[in-house]
Amino acid sequence: MIRGFDISENNADETGLVPEDLFDEAANAGCKFVYVRASWGNGHEDTCFRDSVEKAHARGFKVGAYHYDYGLTPDDAARQAQQCADIIDRAGVMLELPVFYDMEDAGKWKQNHGFDFNASNVTAMCQAWLDSIGLNSGVYASYSWLQNCIDWQGLGCPIWNAEWGDADDLGGYVWQDTEQLWLGNHSVDGDWMYDESVFQD
């Protein structure tokens, strides 16, 4: 397995950007890839997306992106997919890894806005995203969501499983095993990738 990490503007320092030394520490720790949030909600670009991708590439990392969902319906998901694709296109950056649809409700926004957590709705949203983004794409979710709310086998796409601990009970494309991977003085989400061929030039 290959070690990597994921970041967003939430990892920025007082400059408003993700600090250079975080990427240096990641390289020193043997990380080979990073997922950078490209966008969230209804067309909002992550303020650190372009800069972080450039910093990652400068250190030889393979880079992918993700979008944090704030949608309620498949139509919302389709629209957000198109907006995310536009943001990536305008950024003018190359992505070697898939773009993931981050389907969760950490802040309970969906719950507070009458979201239908039925698996048919959640899976339909994931499918609408995959059908609309026009890029190599997959679905990110917690293990409980993947077990109870998403027919991930039926989607047939790369799956990024967030299951913190010592074991990945799903074995998809990427496994997020911790929210506290320490890279020097920086704590980030840590990930493992199974496909080592991605890193063979």
N, C-alpha and C. Protein backbone atom coordinates (compact mmCIF):
# COMPACT_ATOMS: atom_id res chain seq x y z
N MET A 1 0.84 -1.20 0.00
CA MET A 1 0.00 0.00 0.00
C MET A 1 0.88 1.25 0.00
N ILE A 2 0.35 2.31 -0.57
CA ILE A 2 1.07 3.57 -0.69
C ILE A 2 0.44 4.61 0.24
N ARG A 3 1.28 5.29 1.02
CA ARG A 3 0.78 6.29 1.97
C ARG A 3 0.58 7.64 1.28
N GLY A 4 -0.51 8.30 1.66
CA GLY A 4 -0.81 9.64 1.18
C GLY A 4 -1.65 10.39 2.20
N PHE A 5 -2.19 11.52 1.80
CA PHE A 5 -2.96 12.34 2.72
C PHE A 5 -3.94 13.19 1.93
N ASP A 6 -4.86 13.84 2.63
CA ASP A 6 -5.79 14.75 1.95
C ASP A 6 -5.91 16.04 2.73
N ILE A 7 -6.12 17.14 1.98
CA ILE A 7 -6.10 18.47 2.57
C ILE A 7 -7.15 19.36 1.91
N SER A 8 -7.39 20.49 2.57
CA SER A 8 -8.28 21.53 2.04
C SER A 8 -7.82 22.86 2.62
N GLU A 9 -8.59 23.90 2.36
CA GLU A 9 -8.28 25.21 2.93
C GLU A 9 -8.32 25.18 4.46
N ASN A 10 -8.94 24.16 5.03
CA ASN A 10 -8.96 24.02 6.49
C ASN A 10 -7.57 23.74 7.05
N ASN A 11 -6.62 23.36 6.20
CA ASN A 11 -5.25 23.12 6.62
C ASN A 11 -4.34 24.33 6.38
N ALA A 12 -4.93 25.45 5.98
CA ALA A 12 -4.14 26.64 5.69
C ALA A 12 -3.59 27.26 6.98
N ASP A 13 -2.49 28.01 6.83
CA ASP A 13 -1.92 28.74 7.95
C ASP A 13 -2.32 30.21 7.84
N GLU A 14 -1.60 31.07 8.54
CA GLU A 14 -1.97 32.48 8.58
C GLU A 14 -1.83 33.17 7.22
N THR A 15 -1.11 32.55 6.29
CA THR A 15 -0.99 33.12 4.94
C THR A 15 -2.22 32.87 4.10
N GLY A 16 -3.07 31.98 4.57
CA GLY A 16 -4.24 31.61 3.80
C GLY A 16 -4.00 30.45 2.86
N LEU A 17 -2.80 29.86 2.90
CA LEU A 17 -2.45 28.74 2.05
C LEU A 17 -1.93 27.59 2.90
N VAL A 18 -1.98 26.39 2.34
CA VAL A 18 -1.40 25.23 3.02
C VAL A 18 0.12 25.41 3.01
N PRO A 19 0.78 25.34 4.16
CA PRO A 19 2.20 25.70 4.24
C PRO A 19 3.12 24.76 3.47
N GLU A 20 4.20 25.34 2.95
CA GLU A 20 5.19 24.59 2.18
C GLU A 20 5.74 23.41 2.98
N ASP A 21 6.02 23.65 4.27
CA ASP A 21 6.70 22.59 5.02
C ASP A 21 5.82 21.38 5.25
N LEU A 22 4.49 21.54 5.17
CA LEU A 22 3.63 20.36 5.27
C LEU A 22 3.93 19.40 4.12
N PHE A 23 4.08 19.93 2.94
CA PHE A 23 4.39 19.08 1.78
C PHE A 23 5.79 18.48 1.90
N ASP A 24 6.74 19.27 2.43
CA ASP A 24 8.09 18.75 2.63
C ASP A 24 8.08 17.62 3.65
N GLU A 25 7.36 17.81 4.74
CA GLU A 25 7.29 16.76 5.76
C GLU A 25 6.60 15.51 5.21
N ALA A 26 5.59 15.71 4.37
CA ALA A 26 4.90 14.57 3.76
C ALA A 26 5.85 13.77 2.88
N ALA A 27 6.64 14.48 2.08
CA ALA A 27 7.62 13.80 1.23
C ALA A 27 8.64 13.05 2.07
N ASN A 28 9.10 13.67 3.15
CA ASN A 28 10.09 13.03 4.02
C ASN A 28 9.52 11.80 4.71
N ALA A 29 8.19 11.81 4.94
CA ALA A 29 7.53 10.69 5.61
C ALA A 29 7.19 9.56 4.64
N GLY A 30 7.48 9.75 3.36
CA GLY A 30 7.24 8.70 2.38
C GLY A 30 5.89 8.75 1.69
N CYS A 31 5.14 9.84 1.88
CA CYS A 31 3.87 9.98 1.17
C CYS A 31 4.13 10.12 -0.33
N LYS A 32 3.24 9.56 -1.12
CA LYS A 32 3.38 9.59 -2.58
C LYS A 32 2.22 10.25 -3.29
N PHE A 33 1.12 10.51 -2.57
CA PHE A 33 -0.04 11.13 -3.22
C PHE A 33 -0.77 12.03 -2.24
N VAL A 34 -1.57 12.93 -2.80
CA VAL A 34 -2.40 13.81 -1.99
C VAL A 34 -3.71 14.08 -2.72
N TYR A 35 -4.78 14.10 -1.96
CA TYR A 35 -6.07 14.54 -2.48
C TYR A 35 -6.35 15.94 -1.95
N VAL A 36 -6.64 16.86 -2.85
CA VAL A 36 -6.86 18.26 -2.52
C VAL A 36 -8.33 18.60 -2.81
N ARG A 37 -9.00 19.23 -1.85
CA ARG A 37 -10.38 19.62 -2.12
C ARG A 37 -10.40 20.69 -3.21
N ALA A 38 -11.15 20.43 -4.24
CA ALA A 38 -11.30 21.39 -5.34
C ALA A 38 -12.44 22.36 -5.07
N SER A 39 -13.52 21.83 -4.50
CA SER A 39 -14.72 22.65 -4.37
C SER A 39 -15.63 22.08 -3.30
N TRP A 40 -16.62 22.88 -2.97
CA TRP A 40 -17.63 22.45 -2.01
C TRP A 40 -18.94 23.16 -2.33
N GLY A 41 -20.03 22.46 -2.01
CA GLY A 41 -21.35 23.07 -2.18
C GLY A 41 -21.63 23.50 -3.61
N ASN A 42 -22.31 24.60 -3.72
CA ASN A 42 -22.84 25.06 -5.00
C ASN A 42 -21.84 25.96 -5.72
N GLY A 43 -20.76 25.37 -6.22
CA GLY A 43 -19.81 26.09 -7.05
C GLY A 43 -18.75 26.88 -6.32
N HIS A 44 -18.46 26.54 -5.06
CA HIS A 44 -17.44 27.26 -4.30
C HIS A 44 -16.07 26.59 -4.49
N GLU A 45 -15.10 27.32 -4.98
CA GLU A 45 -13.75 26.78 -5.14
C GLU A 45 -13.02 26.85 -3.81
N ASP A 46 -12.35 25.75 -3.45
CA ASP A 46 -11.49 25.76 -2.28
C ASP A 46 -10.36 26.75 -2.54
N THR A 47 -10.14 27.66 -1.59
CA THR A 47 -9.19 28.74 -1.81
C THR A 47 -7.74 28.26 -1.94
N CYS A 48 -7.47 27.04 -1.51
CA CYS A 48 -6.10 26.52 -1.57
C CYS A 48 -5.90 25.50 -2.69
N PHE A 49 -6.92 25.26 -3.49
CA PHE A 49 -6.86 24.17 -4.46
C PHE A 49 -5.68 24.31 -5.42
N ARG A 50 -5.63 25.37 -6.18
CA ARG A 50 -4.60 25.51 -7.21
C ARG A 50 -3.21 25.52 -6.60
N ASP A 51 -3.02 26.31 -5.56
CA ASP A 51 -1.71 26.41 -4.94
C ASP A 51 -1.25 25.07 -4.38
N SER A 52 -2.16 24.33 -3.76
CA SER A 52 -1.78 23.05 -3.16
C SER A 52 -1.43 22.02 -4.22
N VAL A 53 -2.17 22.01 -5.32
CA VAL A 53 -1.84 21.08 -6.40
C VAL A 53 -0.45 21.39 -6.95
N GLU A 54 -0.14 22.66 -7.13
CA GLU A 54 1.17 23.03 -7.65
C GLU A 54 2.28 22.66 -6.68
N LYS A 55 2.07 22.88 -5.39
CA LYS A 55 3.07 22.50 -4.39
C LYS A 55 3.26 20.99 -4.35
N ALA A 56 2.19 20.26 -4.48
CA ALA A 56 2.28 18.80 -4.47
C ALA A 56 3.04 18.28 -5.68
N HIS A 57 2.72 18.81 -6.84
CA HIS A 57 3.42 18.37 -8.05
C HIS A 57 4.90 18.72 -8.00
N ALA A 58 5.23 19.85 -7.40
CA ALA A 58 6.64 20.25 -7.30
C ALA A 58 7.46 19.24 -6.49
N ARG A 59 6.78 18.46 -5.67
CA ARG A 59 7.47 17.47 -4.84
C ARG A 59 7.25 16.05 -5.35
N GLY A 60 6.66 15.93 -6.52
CA GLY A 60 6.52 14.62 -7.14
C GLY A 60 5.33 13.80 -6.72
N PHE A 61 4.39 14.41 -6.01
CA PHE A 61 3.20 13.67 -5.60
C PHE A 61 2.26 13.46 -6.78
N LYS A 62 1.57 12.33 -6.78
CA LYS A 62 0.40 12.16 -7.63
C LYS A 62 -0.76 12.88 -6.94
N VAL A 63 -1.60 13.53 -7.72
CA VAL A 63 -2.64 14.38 -7.12
C VAL A 63 -4.03 14.02 -7.65
N GLY A 64 -4.97 13.99 -6.74
CA GLY A 64 -6.38 13.88 -7.08
C GLY A 64 -7.14 14.99 -6.39
N ALA A 65 -8.42 15.08 -6.63
CA ALA A 65 -9.24 16.14 -6.05
C ALA A 65 -10.51 15.55 -5.47
N TYR A 66 -11.18 16.37 -4.64
CA TYR A 66 -12.50 15.95 -4.16
C TYR A 66 -13.40 17.16 -3.99
N HIS A 67 -14.68 16.87 -4.00
CA HIS A 67 -15.72 17.89 -3.83
C HIS A 67 -16.57 17.51 -2.63
N TYR A 68 -16.76 18.45 -1.70
CA TYR A 68 -17.61 18.20 -0.54
C TYR A 68 -19.05 18.59 -0.88
N ASP A 69 -19.92 17.61 -0.79
CA ASP A 69 -21.31 17.78 -1.24
C ASP A 69 -22.17 18.53 -0.22
N TYR A 70 -22.94 19.49 -0.74
CA TYR A 70 -24.04 20.10 0.01
C TYR A 70 -25.27 20.05 -0.89
N GLY A 71 -25.71 18.87 -1.20
CA GLY A 71 -26.87 18.69 -2.06
C GLY A 71 -27.92 17.82 -1.40
N LEU A 72 -29.13 17.87 -1.96
CA LEU A 72 -30.24 17.09 -1.41
C LEU A 72 -30.82 16.12 -2.42
N THR A 73 -30.58 16.36 -3.71
CA THR A 73 -31.22 15.57 -4.76
C THR A 73 -30.21 15.20 -5.84
N PRO A 74 -30.55 14.25 -6.70
CA PRO A 74 -29.68 13.95 -7.84
C PRO A 74 -29.44 15.15 -8.74
N ASP A 75 -30.43 16.01 -8.91
CA ASP A 75 -30.23 17.22 -9.73
C ASP A 75 -29.17 18.12 -9.10
N ASP A 76 -29.20 18.24 -7.77
CA ASP A 76 -28.16 19.02 -7.08
C ASP A 76 -26.79 18.41 -7.35
N ALA A 77 -26.70 17.09 -7.25
CA ALA A 77 -25.42 16.42 -7.45
C ALA A 77 -24.89 16.64 -8.86
N ALA A 78 -25.77 16.55 -9.84
CA ALA A 78 -25.36 16.76 -11.24
C ALA A 78 -24.84 18.17 -11.45
N ARG A 79 -25.54 19.14 -10.89
CA ARG A 79 -25.11 20.53 -11.02
C ARG A 79 -23.77 20.76 -10.35
N GLN A 80 -23.59 20.23 -9.15
CA GLN A 80 -22.33 20.40 -8.44
C GLN A 80 -21.18 19.70 -9.17
N ALA A 81 -21.46 18.58 -9.80
CA ALA A 81 -20.43 17.89 -10.58
C ALA A 81 -19.93 18.76 -11.73
N GLN A 82 -20.86 19.38 -12.43
CA GLN A 82 -20.48 20.25 -13.55
C GLN A 82 -19.70 21.47 -13.06
N GLN A 83 -20.12 22.01 -11.92
CA GLN A 83 -19.40 23.16 -11.35
C GLN A 83 -18.00 22.76 -10.92
N CYS A 84 -17.85 21.59 -10.33
CA CYS A 84 -16.54 21.11 -9.92
C CYS A 84 -15.63 20.92 -11.13
N ALA A 85 -16.16 20.33 -12.18
CA ALA A 85 -15.38 20.15 -13.41
C ALA A 85 -14.92 21.48 -13.97
N ASP A 86 -15.79 22.48 -13.92
CA ASP A 86 -15.43 23.82 -14.40
C ASP A 86 -14.31 24.42 -13.57
N ILE A 87 -14.37 24.25 -12.26
CA ILE A 87 -13.34 24.78 -11.37
C ILE A 87 -12.00 24.12 -11.66
N ILE A 88 -11.99 22.82 -11.84
CA ILE A 88 -10.75 22.12 -12.16
C ILE A 88 -10.21 22.57 -13.51
N ASP A 89 -11.09 22.74 -14.48
CA ASP A 89 -10.67 23.20 -15.80
C ASP A 89 -10.05 24.60 -15.74
N ARG A 90 -10.71 25.49 -15.03
CA ARG A 90 -10.20 26.87 -14.92
C ARG A 90 -8.88 26.92 -14.16
N ALA A 91 -8.69 25.99 -13.22
CA ALA A 91 -7.45 25.98 -12.45
C ALA A 91 -6.25 25.62 -13.34
N GLY A 92 -6.51 24.91 -14.42
CA GLY A 92 -5.43 24.57 -15.35
C GLY A 92 -4.40 23.61 -14.77
N VAL A 93 -4.82 22.76 -13.85
CA VAL A 93 -3.90 21.81 -13.22
C VAL A 93 -4.17 20.40 -13.72
N MET A 94 -3.13 19.59 -13.73
CA MET A 94 -3.27 18.20 -14.14
C MET A 94 -3.53 17.34 -12.92
N LEU A 95 -4.47 16.42 -13.04
CA LEU A 95 -4.77 15.49 -11.96
C LEU A 95 -4.51 14.07 -12.46
N GLU A 96 -3.66 13.36 -11.75
CA GLU A 96 -3.35 11.98 -12.14
C GLU A 96 -4.35 10.98 -11.56
N LEU A 97 -5.05 11.38 -10.51
CA LEU A 97 -5.94 10.49 -9.78
C LEU A 97 -7.39 10.94 -9.93
N PRO A 98 -8.34 10.08 -9.64
CA PRO A 98 -9.76 10.44 -9.82
C PRO A 98 -10.21 11.62 -8.96
N VAL A 99 -11.32 12.21 -9.37
CA VAL A 99 -12.00 13.25 -8.60
C VAL A 99 -13.10 12.57 -7.79
N PHE A 100 -13.08 12.74 -6.48
CA PHE A 100 -14.03 12.04 -5.64
C PHE A 100 -15.17 12.95 -5.17
N TYR A 101 -16.33 12.36 -5.11
CA TYR A 101 -17.55 13.00 -4.62
C TYR A 101 -17.67 12.67 -3.14
N ASP A 102 -17.46 13.66 -2.29
CA ASP A 102 -17.45 13.46 -0.84
C ASP A 102 -18.88 13.52 -0.32
N MET A 103 -19.43 12.33 -0.12
CA MET A 103 -20.84 12.20 0.26
C MET A 103 -20.92 11.84 1.75
N GLU A 104 -21.11 12.85 2.57
CA GLU A 104 -21.27 12.64 4.00
C GLU A 104 -22.04 13.83 4.57
N ASP A 105 -22.18 13.86 5.87
CA ASP A 105 -22.93 14.95 6.50
C ASP A 105 -22.32 15.27 7.85
N ALA A 106 -21.00 15.58 7.83
CA ALA A 106 -20.27 15.80 9.08
C ALA A 106 -20.85 16.94 9.90
N GLY A 107 -21.29 17.99 9.25
CA GLY A 107 -21.86 19.13 9.97
C GLY A 107 -23.37 19.08 10.13
N LYS A 108 -23.98 17.97 9.73
CA LYS A 108 -25.43 17.76 9.82
C LYS A 108 -26.23 18.76 8.99
N TRP A 109 -25.61 19.29 7.92
CA TRP A 109 -26.34 20.21 7.05
C TRP A 109 -27.48 19.48 6.36
N LYS A 110 -27.19 18.30 5.84
CA LYS A 110 -28.24 17.54 5.16
C LYS A 110 -29.37 17.21 6.12
N GLN A 111 -29.01 16.73 7.28
CA GLN A 111 -30.03 16.37 8.27
C GLN A 111 -30.91 17.56 8.61
N ASN A 112 -30.31 18.73 8.71
CA ASN A 112 -31.07 19.93 9.08
C ASN A 112 -31.87 20.52 7.93
N HIS A 113 -31.67 19.99 6.71
CA HIS A 113 -32.40 20.49 5.55
C HIS A 113 -33.29 19.42 4.92
N GLY A 114 -33.68 18.46 5.73
CA GLY A 114 -34.67 17.49 5.28
C GLY A 114 -34.16 16.46 4.28
N PHE A 115 -32.87 16.11 4.36
CA PHE A 115 -32.29 15.17 3.41
C PHE A 115 -32.92 13.79 3.56
N ASP A 116 -33.14 13.14 2.42
CA ASP A 116 -33.65 11.77 2.38
C ASP A 116 -32.45 10.82 2.38
N PHE A 117 -32.20 10.19 3.53
CA PHE A 117 -31.04 9.31 3.68
C PHE A 117 -31.28 7.91 3.12
N ASN A 118 -32.42 7.69 2.49
CA ASN A 118 -32.70 6.39 1.89
C ASN A 118 -31.64 6.05 0.85
N ALA A 119 -31.24 4.80 0.82
CA ALA A 119 -30.15 4.37 -0.08
C ALA A 119 -30.47 4.66 -1.54
N SER A 120 -31.73 4.63 -1.91
CA SER A 120 -32.07 4.87 -3.31
C SER A 120 -31.75 6.31 -3.69
N ASN A 121 -32.01 7.26 -2.79
CA ASN A 121 -31.72 8.67 -3.07
C ASN A 121 -30.21 8.92 -3.05
N VAL A 122 -29.53 8.42 -2.05
CA VAL A 122 -28.09 8.67 -1.93
C VAL A 122 -27.35 8.05 -3.11
N THR A 123 -27.70 6.83 -3.46
CA THR A 123 -27.05 6.17 -4.59
C THR A 123 -27.35 6.89 -5.89
N ALA A 124 -28.58 7.37 -6.04
CA ALA A 124 -28.95 8.13 -7.25
C ALA A 124 -28.14 9.42 -7.35
N MET A 125 -27.87 10.05 -6.21
CA MET A 125 -27.05 11.25 -6.22
C MET A 125 -25.63 10.93 -6.67
N CYS A 126 -25.08 9.85 -6.14
CA CYS A 126 -23.74 9.43 -6.54
C CYS A 126 -23.69 9.14 -8.04
N GLN A 127 -24.72 8.46 -8.55
CA GLN A 127 -24.75 8.14 -9.97
C GLN A 127 -24.87 9.41 -10.81
N ALA A 128 -25.66 10.36 -10.37
CA ALA A 128 -25.81 11.62 -11.09
C ALA A 128 -24.48 12.36 -11.15
N TRP A 129 -23.75 12.35 -10.07
CA TRP A 129 -22.41 12.95 -10.05
C TRP A 129 -21.51 12.29 -11.08
N LEU A 130 -21.44 10.96 -11.02
CA LEU A 130 -20.56 10.21 -11.92
C LEU A 130 -20.93 10.45 -13.38
N ASP A 131 -22.22 10.55 -13.66
CA ASP A 131 -22.69 10.73 -15.03
C ASP A 131 -22.46 12.15 -15.54
N SER A 132 -22.26 13.12 -14.63
CA SER A 132 -22.26 14.52 -15.03
C SER A 132 -20.89 15.19 -15.02
N ILE A 133 -19.92 14.64 -14.31
CA ILE A 133 -18.67 15.37 -14.13
C ILE A 133 -17.77 15.31 -15.36
N GLY A 134 -17.86 14.24 -16.15
CA GLY A 134 -17.05 14.17 -17.35
C GLY A 134 -15.57 13.93 -17.09
N LEU A 135 -15.24 13.45 -15.89
CA LEU A 135 -13.86 13.15 -15.52
C LEU A 135 -13.82 11.79 -14.82
N ASN A 136 -12.64 11.20 -14.76
CA ASN A 136 -12.47 9.98 -13.98
C ASN A 136 -12.86 10.30 -12.54
N SER A 137 -13.83 9.59 -12.01
CA SER A 137 -14.38 10.00 -10.72
C SER A 137 -14.82 8.80 -9.89
N GLY A 138 -14.93 9.04 -8.58
CA GLY A 138 -15.37 8.02 -7.66
C GLY A 138 -16.14 8.64 -6.52
N VAL A 139 -16.44 7.82 -5.50
CA VAL A 139 -17.25 8.25 -4.36
C VAL A 139 -16.49 8.03 -3.07
N TYR A 140 -16.47 9.08 -2.23
CA TYR A 140 -15.91 9.01 -0.88
C TYR A 140 -17.05 9.00 0.11
N ALA A 141 -16.95 8.16 1.12
CA ALA A 141 -17.93 8.18 2.22
C ALA A 141 -17.37 7.38 3.38
N SER A 142 -17.98 7.58 4.53
CA SER A 142 -17.61 6.76 5.69
C SER A 142 -18.07 5.32 5.45
N TYR A 143 -17.46 4.41 6.17
CA TYR A 143 -17.81 3.00 6.03
C TYR A 143 -19.29 2.77 6.31
N SER A 144 -19.82 3.47 7.32
CA SER A 144 -21.24 3.28 7.65
C SER A 144 -22.14 3.74 6.52
N TRP A 145 -21.79 4.85 5.86
CA TRP A 145 -22.57 5.31 4.70
C TRP A 145 -22.47 4.30 3.57
N LEU A 146 -21.29 3.80 3.33
CA LEU A 146 -21.12 2.84 2.23
C LEU A 146 -21.86 1.54 2.51
N GLN A 147 -21.99 1.20 3.76
CA GLN A 147 -22.71 -0.02 4.11
C GLN A 147 -24.22 0.17 4.10
N ASN A 148 -24.68 1.36 4.51
CA ASN A 148 -26.11 1.53 4.77
C ASN A 148 -26.83 2.47 3.82
N CYS A 149 -26.09 3.37 3.15
CA CYS A 149 -26.75 4.40 2.35
C CYS A 149 -26.38 4.40 0.88
N ILE A 150 -25.36 3.66 0.49
CA ILE A 150 -24.87 3.72 -0.89
C ILE A 150 -24.67 2.31 -1.44
N ASP A 151 -25.27 2.04 -2.58
CA ASP A 151 -25.01 0.78 -3.28
C ASP A 151 -23.72 0.94 -4.08
N TRP A 152 -22.60 0.92 -3.37
CA TRP A 152 -21.32 1.22 -4.03
C TRP A 152 -20.92 0.15 -5.03
N GLN A 153 -21.32 -1.09 -4.77
CA GLN A 153 -21.01 -2.14 -5.76
C GLN A 153 -21.70 -1.86 -7.08
N GLY A 154 -22.94 -1.39 -7.00
CA GLY A 154 -23.69 -1.11 -8.22
C GLY A 154 -23.15 0.08 -8.99
N LEU A 155 -22.50 1.00 -8.30
CA LEU A 155 -21.95 2.18 -8.98
C LEU A 155 -20.78 1.81 -9.88
N GLY A 156 -20.00 0.82 -9.49
CA GLY A 156 -18.89 0.36 -10.31
C GLY A 156 -17.79 1.39 -10.52
N CYS A 157 -17.57 2.26 -9.51
CA CYS A 157 -16.56 3.33 -9.62
C CYS A 157 -15.53 3.16 -8.51
N PRO A 158 -14.42 3.90 -8.58
CA PRO A 158 -13.48 3.88 -7.46
C PRO A 158 -14.16 4.32 -6.16
N ILE A 159 -13.84 3.64 -5.08
CA ILE A 159 -14.43 3.95 -3.78
C ILE A 159 -13.32 4.32 -2.79
N TRP A 160 -13.55 5.41 -2.08
CA TRP A 160 -12.64 5.88 -1.03
C TRP A 160 -13.37 5.71 0.29
N ASN A 161 -12.91 4.76 1.08
CA ASN A 161 -13.57 4.39 2.32
C ASN A 161 -12.92 5.09 3.51
N ALA A 162 -13.71 5.85 4.25
CA ALA A 162 -13.23 6.47 5.48
C ALA A 162 -13.60 5.57 6.65
N GLU A 163 -12.62 4.86 7.14
CA GLU A 163 -12.82 3.92 8.25
C GLU A 163 -11.57 3.98 9.13
N TRP A 164 -11.64 4.82 10.16
CA TRP A 164 -10.46 5.06 10.97
C TRP A 164 -10.17 3.86 11.86
N GLY A 165 -8.91 3.48 11.90
CA GLY A 165 -8.50 2.34 12.70
C GLY A 165 -7.45 1.51 11.98
N ASP A 166 -7.36 0.25 12.38
CA ASP A 166 -6.30 -0.62 11.88
C ASP A 166 -6.73 -1.51 10.72
N ALA A 167 -7.99 -1.48 10.33
CA ALA A 167 -8.47 -2.38 9.29
C ALA A 167 -9.43 -1.68 8.36
N ASP A 168 -9.32 -2.02 7.08
CA ASP A 168 -10.23 -1.54 6.06
C ASP A 168 -11.15 -2.69 5.69
N ASP A 169 -12.41 -2.60 6.07
CA ASP A 169 -13.35 -3.69 5.83
C ASP A 169 -13.95 -3.68 4.44
N LEU A 170 -13.55 -2.72 3.62
CA LEU A 170 -14.12 -2.62 2.28
C LEU A 170 -13.09 -2.93 1.20
N GLY A 171 -11.90 -2.37 1.30
CA GLY A 171 -10.84 -2.66 0.33
C GLY A 171 -11.13 -2.08 -1.04
N GLY A 172 -11.41 -0.77 -1.08
CA GLY A 172 -11.70 -0.12 -2.35
C GLY A 172 -10.46 0.43 -3.02
N TYR A 173 -10.54 1.67 -3.49
CA TYR A 173 -9.44 2.31 -4.20
C TYR A 173 -8.51 3.04 -3.24
N VAL A 174 -9.12 3.78 -2.28
CA VAL A 174 -8.37 4.49 -1.25
C VAL A 174 -9.03 4.21 0.09
N TRP A 175 -8.19 4.14 1.13
CA TRP A 175 -8.67 3.96 2.49
C TRP A 175 -8.17 5.12 3.35
N GLN A 176 -9.09 5.88 3.92
CA GLN A 176 -8.73 6.92 4.88
C GLN A 176 -8.76 6.28 6.26
N ASP A 177 -7.59 6.12 6.85
CA ASP A 177 -7.49 5.35 8.09
C ASP A 177 -7.38 6.21 9.35
N THR A 178 -7.12 7.52 9.18
CA THR A 178 -6.96 8.37 10.35
C THR A 178 -7.23 9.83 10.02
N GLU A 179 -7.65 10.57 11.04
CA GLU A 179 -7.76 12.02 10.91
C GLU A 179 -6.58 12.72 11.57
N GLN A 180 -5.62 11.93 12.06
CA GLN A 180 -4.46 12.49 12.74
C GLN A 180 -3.17 11.83 12.26
N LEU A 181 -2.84 12.08 11.01
CA LEU A 181 -1.53 11.70 10.49
C LEU A 181 -0.63 12.90 10.71
N TRP A 182 0.38 12.74 11.54
CA TRP A 182 1.25 13.87 11.86
C TRP A 182 2.39 13.96 10.86
N LEU A 183 2.48 15.09 10.20
CA LEU A 183 3.55 15.41 9.27
C LEU A 183 4.28 16.62 9.84
N GLY A 184 5.36 16.36 10.56
CA GLY A 184 5.99 17.42 11.31
C GLY A 184 5.03 17.91 12.37
N ASN A 185 4.75 19.21 12.37
CA ASN A 185 3.81 19.78 13.33
C ASN A 185 2.38 19.86 12.81
N HIS A 186 2.14 19.26 11.66
CA HIS A 186 0.83 19.36 11.02
C HIS A 186 0.08 18.04 11.12
N SER A 187 -1.18 18.13 11.51
CA SER A 187 -2.05 16.96 11.56
C SER A 187 -3.02 17.00 10.38
N VAL A 188 -3.04 15.93 9.60
CA VAL A 188 -3.91 15.85 8.43
C VAL A 188 -4.61 14.50 8.41
N ASP A 189 -5.58 14.36 7.52
CA ASP A 189 -6.19 13.05 7.28
C ASP A 189 -5.19 12.18 6.52
N GLY A 190 -5.04 10.94 6.98
CA GLY A 190 -4.11 10.02 6.33
C GLY A 190 -4.84 8.99 5.49
N ASP A 191 -4.24 8.62 4.37
CA ASP A 191 -4.86 7.70 3.43
C ASP A 191 -3.86 6.66 2.94
N TRP A 192 -4.41 5.55 2.49
CA TRP A 192 -3.63 4.51 1.82
C TRP A 192 -4.24 4.25 0.45
N MET A 193 -3.41 4.04 -0.54
CA MET A 193 -3.87 3.64 -1.87
C MET A 193 -3.35 2.25 -2.17
N TYR A 194 -4.21 1.43 -2.77
CA TYR A 194 -3.86 0.04 -3.02
C TYR A 194 -3.18 -0.18 -4.37
N ASP A 195 -3.51 0.63 -5.36
CA ASP A 195 -3.01 0.42 -6.72
C ASP A 195 -1.62 1.02 -6.86
N GLU A 196 -0.60 0.20 -6.67
CA GLU A 196 0.79 0.69 -6.73
C GLU A 196 1.23 0.99 -8.15
N SER A 197 0.51 0.48 -9.14
CA SER A 197 0.90 0.73 -10.54
C SER A 197 0.80 2.20 -10.91
N VAL A 198 -0.04 2.95 -10.18
CA VAL A 198 -0.19 4.38 -10.43
C VAL A 198 1.13 5.11 -10.26
N PHE A 199 2.00 4.57 -9.43
CA PHE A 199 3.23 5.26 -9.07
C PHE A 199 4.44 4.73 -9.83
N GLN A 200 4.22 3.88 -10.80
CA GLN A 200 5.30 3.35 -11.61
C GLN A 200 5.38 4.12 -12.92
N ASP A 201 6.43 4.89 -13.06
CA ASP A 201 6.61 5.71 -14.27
C ASP A 201 7.08 4.86 -15.45
